[in-house]
Amino acid sequence: MRLSLECPRNIFTAGVAILLFLGAWPPVPTQRAPAEPPSTIGGTLIVMVPSNAGLVVAADSRTRPEKGINCDNQVKIFEPTHPNHMILTVTGTPTILEPSSEPVPLGRICDYINSTTRILDIHKVALEFLEESSAETIAALDMSALVKRCIDATRSALAQGGIKLHLRRTQDMFSVVIAAYDPQTGSSAARSFVIGLTRQLEPVLARTFERKATPDDNQNYWAFGETDYLYRQVVRGIGRGYLSPTTTRFYTTRRPVRDLSVEEARALAVDLIAATARTTAVVPAPGGIGGPIDVVLVGKEPRPQHLQWKSP
């Protein structure tokens, strides 16, 4: 687990001057003051790219438990033991930690969020649902039953009280995304839903999404999580300059999925996430985006293949 402290770019010059000034004085202790324990964990960008050999799924590995504090190497792509050819990911604020009054040193916050009790862990709720399901395909999944289970778990966690959500009322809380590949047809698919909060902080189903790509469909990608930031600040904003020429040409090139290789799909997904992470240094994102990028291929093999995996 790696912790980093954010420093806005516009104070760099002043920061250098201060460091030079302090260099003439005895070393300053590096222990940071304790902080109030975080209550929630959030922040994610997922990019999925259908290719001619399966669905490529990439995720950043950063979460931001507190403003200015980033914890990297989080696992965000989950692999159920059943059904085959399927993965799960969750975005937003899907985790609530058990409230605590004990302060936590800033240097230990990342360890704290990984070791403390979780009163809400949506990825675990969804993973258990998939593994208990009798469905063999993504189309056969009973999504309404999964929605109910997630809402019930969220309601139970919020009822415990003492939780600081850092969310506005009527705001989206989290989304669950299930993606799969059908080796028989060569088609990729994703089904997702968003759980929001009412003014009374009651969890409700906000909306659902379904995506599908056949080998004959035009090349495309699907993004989940910090999508508003990706499109406004990167694809159509200042971060566009961080995208590779190959990625920028992707938007203007008409080519069927059957002609897009796994390596091309991997490079596209990684480039979009990496450019977004770089952009956050200029324009802060609502949640944490960054850290090592994990990539898997959901293809003809029953289990996902790790193409790039730096998380523990």
Protein backbone atom coordinates (compact mmCIF):
# COMPACT_ATOMS: atom_id res chain seq x y z
CA MET A 1 0.00 0.00 0.00
CA ARG A 2 1.44 3.37 -0.98
CA LEU A 3 0.41 6.72 0.52
CA SER A 4 0.95 10.07 -1.16
CA LEU A 5 0.06 13.61 -0.15
CA GLU A 6 -1.26 15.93 -2.84
CA CYS A 7 0.28 19.33 -3.43
CA PRO A 8 -1.41 21.76 -5.85
CA ARG A 9 0.81 22.70 -8.79
CA ASN A 10 0.34 26.45 -8.33
CA ILE A 11 2.26 26.50 -5.04
CA PHE A 12 5.33 24.72 -6.44
CA THR A 13 7.50 27.84 -6.71
CA ALA A 14 6.67 29.00 -3.22
CA GLY A 15 7.25 25.48 -1.95
CA VAL A 16 10.79 25.41 -3.40
CA ALA A 17 11.62 28.68 -1.67
CA ILE A 18 10.34 27.38 1.65
CA LEU A 19 12.32 24.15 1.29
CA LEU A 20 15.52 26.08 0.55
CA PHE A 21 14.93 28.25 3.61
CA LEU A 22 14.29 25.29 5.86
CA GLY A 23 17.38 23.54 4.55
CA ALA A 24 19.55 25.74 6.75
CA TRP A 25 17.78 24.58 9.92
CA PRO A 26 17.93 21.29 11.82
CA PRO A 27 15.80 18.46 10.34
CA VAL A 28 12.09 18.67 11.06
CA PRO A 29 10.40 15.48 12.37
CA THR A 30 8.46 13.75 9.57
CA GLN A 31 5.68 12.35 11.81
CA ARG A 32 2.41 13.94 10.75
CA ALA A 33 -0.30 14.90 13.21
CA PRO A 34 -3.06 12.34 13.80
CA ALA A 35 -6.23 12.72 11.77
CA GLU A 36 -9.85 11.81 12.36
CA PRO A 37 -10.41 8.25 11.09
CA PRO A 38 -11.98 8.20 7.59
CA SER A 39 -15.54 6.85 7.34
CA THR A 40 -15.68 6.05 3.63
CA ILE A 41 -13.48 4.97 0.72
CA GLY A 42 -14.12 6.10 -2.86
CA GLY A 43 -12.76 7.21 -6.21
CA THR A 44 -12.33 5.04 -9.33
CA LEU A 45 -11.97 5.13 -13.11
CA ILE A 46 -12.72 1.96 -15.09
CA VAL A 47 -12.25 1.66 -18.86
CA MET A 48 -13.48 -1.36 -20.85
CA VAL A 49 -12.56 -1.97 -24.49
CA PRO A 50 -14.11 -4.78 -26.59
CA SER A 51 -11.48 -6.46 -28.78
CA ASN A 52 -11.25 -9.34 -31.24
CA ALA A 53 -10.24 -11.77 -28.47
CA GLY A 54 -12.28 -10.58 -25.51
CA LEU A 55 -13.13 -7.64 -23.31
CA VAL A 56 -10.17 -5.67 -21.95
CA VAL A 57 -10.87 -4.12 -18.54
CA ALA A 58 -8.53 -1.56 -16.93
CA ALA A 59 -8.75 0.21 -13.58
CA ASP A 60 -6.72 2.71 -11.64
CA SER A 61 -5.70 1.65 -8.12
CA ARG A 62 -6.09 4.85 -6.09
CA THR A 63 -8.57 5.75 -3.40
CA ARG A 64 -8.85 8.98 -1.46
CA PRO A 65 -10.01 8.45 2.15
CA GLU A 66 -9.34 12.10 3.01
CA LYS A 67 -8.82 15.24 0.96
CA GLY A 68 -5.19 15.45 -0.09
CA ILE A 69 -4.37 11.86 0.90
CA ASN A 70 -4.11 9.13 -1.73
CA CYS A 71 -3.80 5.40 -1.09
CA ASP A 72 -2.56 3.44 -4.11
CA ASN A 73 -2.46 -0.25 -5.04
CA GLN A 74 -6.11 -0.86 -4.21
CA VAL A 75 -7.68 -3.81 -6.05
CA LYS A 76 -10.68 -2.64 -8.11
CA ILE A 77 -11.26 -5.52 -10.55
CA PHE A 78 -12.81 -8.55 -8.87
CA GLU A 79 -13.05 -12.04 -10.31
CA PRO A 80 -15.95 -14.22 -9.15
CA THR A 81 -15.34 -17.97 -9.09
CA HIS A 82 -18.71 -18.25 -10.86
CA PRO A 83 -19.96 -17.52 -13.51
CA ASN A 84 -17.08 -17.93 -15.95
CA HIS A 85 -15.93 -15.23 -18.40
CA MET A 86 -17.06 -12.48 -16.01
CA ILE A 87 -15.63 -9.71 -13.79
CA LEU A 88 -17.04 -7.25 -11.28
CA THR A 89 -16.09 -3.72 -10.34
CA VAL A 90 -17.64 -1.03 -8.16
CA THR A 91 -17.20 2.74 -8.29
CA GLY A 92 -18.11 5.79 -6.23
CA THR A 93 -18.38 5.31 -2.46
CA PRO A 94 -19.12 1.60 -2.02
CA THR A 95 -17.32 1.17 1.30
CA ILE A 96 -18.18 2.44 4.77
CA LEU A 97 -15.77 1.86 7.63
CA GLU A 98 -16.76 1.23 11.22
CA PRO A 99 -16.86 4.59 13.07
CA SER A 100 -13.97 5.20 15.46
CA SER A 101 -13.07 8.05 17.81
CA GLU A 102 -9.38 7.16 17.92
CA PRO A 103 -7.15 9.46 15.82
CA VAL A 104 -4.99 7.86 13.12
CA PRO A 105 -1.51 9.14 12.13
CA LEU A 106 -1.61 10.36 8.53
CA GLY A 107 1.18 7.96 7.64
CA ARG A 108 -1.00 5.02 8.70
CA ILE A 109 -4.31 5.97 7.08
CA CYS A 110 -3.79 3.60 4.13
CA ASP A 111 -3.07 0.72 6.50
CA TYR A 112 -6.08 1.75 8.57
CA ILE A 113 -8.59 1.61 5.72
CA ASN A 114 -7.38 -1.87 4.76
CA SER A 115 -7.47 -3.33 8.24
CA THR A 116 -10.45 -1.74 9.99
CA THR A 117 -13.89 -3.35 10.05
CA ARG A 118 -16.16 -2.49 7.11
CA ILE A 119 -19.85 -2.10 7.88
CA LEU A 120 -20.53 -1.75 4.16
CA ASP A 121 -18.50 -3.48 1.46
CA ILE A 122 -20.51 -3.49 -1.78
CA HIS A 123 -17.89 -5.35 -3.78
CA LYS A 124 -18.15 -8.22 -1.29
CA VAL A 125 -21.97 -8.10 -1.39
CA ALA A 126 -22.00 -8.25 -5.20
CA LEU A 127 -19.26 -10.87 -5.40
CA GLU A 128 -21.14 -13.20 -3.04
CA PHE A 129 -24.32 -12.67 -5.08
CA LEU A 130 -22.60 -13.70 -8.31
CA GLU A 131 -20.99 -16.76 -6.80
CA GLU A 132 -24.30 -17.89 -5.28
CA SER A 133 -26.21 -17.30 -8.51
CA SER A 134 -27.24 -20.19 -10.75
CA ALA A 135 -26.95 -17.96 -13.83
CA GLU A 136 -24.33 -18.99 -16.38
CA THR A 137 -24.42 -15.82 -18.49
CA ILE A 138 -24.59 -12.10 -17.83
CA ALA A 139 -28.00 -11.90 -19.54
CA ALA A 140 -29.43 -14.46 -17.11
CA LEU A 141 -28.39 -12.57 -13.97
CA ASP A 142 -31.26 -11.35 -11.77
CA MET A 143 -30.10 -7.74 -11.49
CA SER A 144 -33.18 -6.65 -9.55
CA ALA A 145 -32.28 -9.12 -6.80
CA LEU A 146 -28.73 -7.78 -6.71
CA VAL A 147 -30.02 -4.20 -6.53
CA LYS A 148 -32.22 -5.12 -3.58
CA ARG A 149 -29.35 -6.80 -1.78
CA CYS A 150 -27.12 -3.75 -2.25
CA ILE A 151 -29.84 -1.35 -1.08
CA ASP A 152 -30.57 -3.47 2.00
CA ALA A 153 -26.87 -3.61 2.90
CA THR A 154 -26.50 0.16 2.45
CA ARG A 155 -29.60 0.94 4.51
CA SER A 156 -28.35 -1.29 7.31
CA ALA A 157 -24.93 0.40 7.34
CA LEU A 158 -26.34 3.94 7.33
CA ALA A 159 -28.69 3.05 10.20
CA GLN A 160 -25.71 2.51 12.50
CA GLY A 161 -25.10 6.27 12.63
CA GLY A 162 -21.89 8.20 13.26
CA ILE A 163 -20.92 8.06 9.59
CA LYS A 164 -19.61 11.04 7.62
CA LEU A 165 -20.45 10.30 4.00
CA HIS A 166 -18.98 13.44 2.42
CA LEU A 167 -21.85 13.22 -0.06
CA ARG A 168 -24.65 15.63 -0.84
CA ARG A 169 -28.21 14.49 -0.38
CA THR A 170 -29.77 13.22 -3.63
CA GLN A 171 -26.25 12.42 -4.90
CA ASP A 172 -25.14 9.14 -6.46
CA MET A 173 -23.43 6.93 -3.87
CA PHE A 174 -21.98 4.03 -5.84
CA SER A 175 -22.36 1.91 -8.95
CA VAL A 176 -21.95 -1.81 -9.54
CA VAL A 177 -20.64 -2.94 -12.92
CA ILE A 178 -20.64 -6.53 -14.16
CA ALA A 179 -18.94 -7.31 -17.46
CA ALA A 180 -18.61 -10.51 -19.47
CA TYR A 181 -17.47 -12.06 -22.74
CA ASP A 182 -19.22 -14.75 -24.76
CA PRO A 183 -16.63 -16.96 -26.51
CA GLN A 184 -19.32 -18.49 -28.72
CA THR A 185 -20.40 -15.23 -30.33
CA GLY A 186 -17.32 -13.09 -29.66
CA SER A 187 -19.56 -10.47 -28.01
CA SER A 188 -18.78 -8.37 -24.94
CA ALA A 189 -21.40 -7.01 -22.56
CA ALA A 190 -21.70 -4.92 -19.40
CA ARG A 191 -24.62 -4.38 -17.04
CA SER A 192 -24.54 -1.78 -14.29
CA PHE A 193 -26.70 0.17 -11.88
CA VAL A 194 -26.28 3.25 -9.72
CA ILE A 195 -27.49 3.57 -6.13
CA GLY A 196 -28.24 7.11 -4.97
CA LEU A 197 -29.46 8.76 -1.79
CA THR A 198 -32.74 10.62 -1.25
CA ARG A 199 -32.97 13.80 0.84
CA GLN A 200 -33.73 11.53 3.79
CA LEU A 201 -30.50 9.57 3.05
CA GLU A 202 -32.51 6.57 1.91
CA PRO A 203 -30.65 4.44 -0.66
CA VAL A 204 -32.58 4.01 -3.93
CA LEU A 205 -31.98 2.76 -7.45
CA ALA A 206 -31.04 5.82 -9.51
CA ARG A 207 -30.56 4.30 -12.98
CA THR A 208 -29.32 1.29 -14.89
CA PHE A 209 -27.09 0.81 -17.93
CA GLU A 210 -26.46 -1.97 -20.43
CA ARG A 211 -23.71 -2.11 -23.03
CA LYS A 212 -23.02 -4.70 -25.72
CA ALA A 213 -20.53 -5.02 -28.56
CA THR A 214 -20.48 -7.67 -31.30
CA PRO A 215 -17.49 -8.33 -33.57
CA ASP A 216 -19.23 -6.33 -36.33
CA ASP A 217 -19.90 -3.23 -34.20
CA ASN A 218 -17.67 -0.18 -34.57
CA GLN A 219 -14.77 -0.01 -32.10
CA ASN A 220 -15.65 1.79 -28.90
CA TYR A 221 -14.90 1.88 -25.18
CA TRP A 222 -17.02 2.06 -22.04
CA ALA A 223 -16.05 4.11 -19.00
CA PHE A 224 -17.38 3.91 -15.45
CA GLY A 225 -16.71 5.88 -12.29
CA GLU A 226 -15.27 9.36 -12.77
CA THR A 227 -16.71 9.58 -16.29
CA ASP A 228 -17.76 13.25 -16.13
CA TYR A 229 -14.20 14.20 -15.29
CA LEU A 230 -12.80 11.96 -18.04
CA TYR A 231 -14.98 13.48 -20.76
CA ARG A 232 -14.89 17.13 -19.63
CA GLN A 233 -11.30 17.50 -18.50
CA VAL A 234 -9.48 14.92 -20.64
CA VAL A 235 -11.34 13.97 -23.83
CA ARG A 236 -12.65 17.51 -24.38
CA GLY A 237 -10.44 19.46 -21.99
CA ILE A 238 -6.92 20.33 -20.96
CA GLY A 239 -5.98 16.70 -20.44
CA ARG A 240 -6.39 15.93 -24.14
CA GLY A 241 -2.76 16.94 -24.57
CA TYR A 242 -1.75 13.96 -22.43
CA LEU A 243 -3.44 11.45 -24.75
CA SER A 244 -1.30 9.61 -27.28
CA PRO A 245 -1.85 10.27 -31.01
CA THR A 246 -3.16 6.71 -31.36
CA THR A 247 -5.82 7.36 -28.73
CA THR A 248 -6.95 10.65 -30.29
CA ARG A 249 -7.24 8.92 -33.70
CA PHE A 250 -9.44 6.25 -32.12
CA TYR A 251 -12.35 8.71 -32.00
CA THR A 252 -12.26 9.39 -35.73
CA THR A 253 -11.48 5.90 -37.00
CA ARG A 254 -14.28 3.59 -38.01
CA ARG A 255 -13.15 0.00 -37.57
CA PRO A 256 -15.06 -3.10 -36.46
CA VAL A 257 -14.28 -4.72 -33.11
CA ARG A 258 -13.07 -7.83 -34.97
CA ASP A 259 -10.08 -5.79 -36.24
CA LEU A 260 -9.06 -4.38 -32.83
CA SER A 261 -6.34 -6.46 -31.18
CA VAL A 262 -6.04 -7.09 -27.44
CA GLU A 263 -2.81 -5.07 -27.31
CA GLU A 264 -4.47 -2.10 -29.03
CA ALA A 265 -7.38 -2.30 -26.61
CA ARG A 266 -5.00 -2.51 -23.62
CA ALA A 267 -2.96 0.47 -24.82
CA LEU A 268 -6.13 2.56 -25.29
CA ALA A 269 -7.53 1.76 -21.83
CA VAL A 270 -4.21 2.42 -20.08
CA ASP A 271 -3.64 5.67 -21.98
CA LEU A 272 -7.07 7.04 -21.04
CA ILE A 273 -6.57 6.29 -17.34
CA ALA A 274 -2.96 7.52 -17.29
CA ALA A 275 -3.93 10.80 -19.01
CA THR A 276 -6.76 11.28 -16.54
CA ALA A 277 -4.42 10.71 -13.60
CA ARG A 278 -1.97 13.30 -15.00
CA THR A 279 -4.79 15.79 -15.49
CA THR A 280 -5.74 15.61 -11.82
CA ALA A 281 -2.46 17.38 -11.00
CA VAL A 282 -3.77 20.39 -12.94
CA VAL A 283 -7.52 20.15 -12.32
CA PRO A 284 -8.36 18.24 -9.11
CA ALA A 285 -10.83 15.41 -9.57
CA PRO A 286 -13.78 14.77 -7.21
CA GLY A 287 -12.28 11.39 -6.24
CA GLY A 288 -8.88 9.79 -6.33
CA ILE A 289 -7.59 8.67 -9.76
CA GLY A 290 -4.08 7.31 -10.16
CA GLY A 291 -1.64 4.70 -8.96
CA PRO A 292 -0.61 1.57 -10.87
CA ILE A 293 -3.09 0.51 -13.55
CA ASP A 294 -4.44 -3.04 -13.54
CA VAL A 295 -5.63 -4.65 -16.78
CA VAL A 296 -7.38 -7.98 -17.36
CA LEU A 297 -8.69 -9.77 -20.42
CA VAL A 298 -12.08 -11.45 -20.13
CA GLY A 299 -11.76 -13.83 -23.04
CA LYS A 300 -12.14 -17.43 -24.15
CA GLU A 301 -10.51 -18.80 -20.98
CA PRO A 302 -12.93 -19.34 -18.06
CA ARG A 303 -10.89 -17.09 -15.74
CA PRO A 304 -9.78 -13.53 -16.56
CA GLN A 305 -6.20 -13.21 -17.75
CA HIS A 306 -4.00 -10.60 -16.06
CA LEU A 307 -2.39 -8.48 -18.76
CA GLN A 308 -1.01 -5.90 -16.34
CA TRP A 309 -1.38 -6.39 -12.60
CA LYS A 310 0.51 -4.29 -10.09
CA SER A 311 -1.92 -4.44 -7.20
CA PRO A 312 -1.10 -6.83 -4.36
